[in-house]
């Protein structure tokens, strides 16, 4: 059984670099931590380069076709980004997603909080969205907090890091109606909206909302009616409500 016991080991130092976006992009890999997330990665068509296993854990028999390496408690804690490590990680190869055949799309504009981005990806999968596009200024897809918030959904739905202008163009080319979320006089209450069956929904930054340039290109803008004493909704929650509504009326 191969065991790494030192934090100074070259592999350990390289794995730790994956906590930073610069090195994830450079090495084209990222870390997934925890039994559930690792299992979801293994069940998907993503490439698992290696399993990193705590010395006290045992790899399930069905996972033994994957390359794995045991590490000491000290090394595992050095790599872990959770408060209560579960003893299992996977080194996963970044996959460049493409999606040209789509009918329902979520477009995310500059949402910076990793938890919100992960929640929206998880929600998109739950409501049968075909693809998610992360626009400029959004949290990195492979940030550990994004991965945890998706609860593994990122392995089962195409998430593209792309240009929202280009995606709006794609939607128009494919006769897909684009809805922008906004609080303005032109926006319609969500409950008055009937889904055309194929659609794209644009959601925006926690503070400033959707870029006005994108809103100007939307076919229609919508808002969620809320209690007058409530100022606003968290963007992750708002996205869940909008996608749930569209799933009901489609």
Foldseek 3Di string as FASTA:
>chain_A
DAEAEDCPDPVLVLLLVLLDPVSCVVVQKHKAFDDQQVVLLVVFPWDWQEKEFEPVDDDDPVCVVHHYHYYYPVSVVSNDPDPDGPGMMTITGHDADDDLDFFEEEEEAQAADLLLLLLLLLLCVVLVGQEYEYEPNYHDCRNRNSSVNVSSSPRPHHYHDDHVVVVLVSCVVVVAAEEEEDPDPQAAELVVDAHPRGYYYYWYYQPPIDDVVVNVSGPHYYYHDDDPVDDDDGRSVRSSVNSVSRSVRD
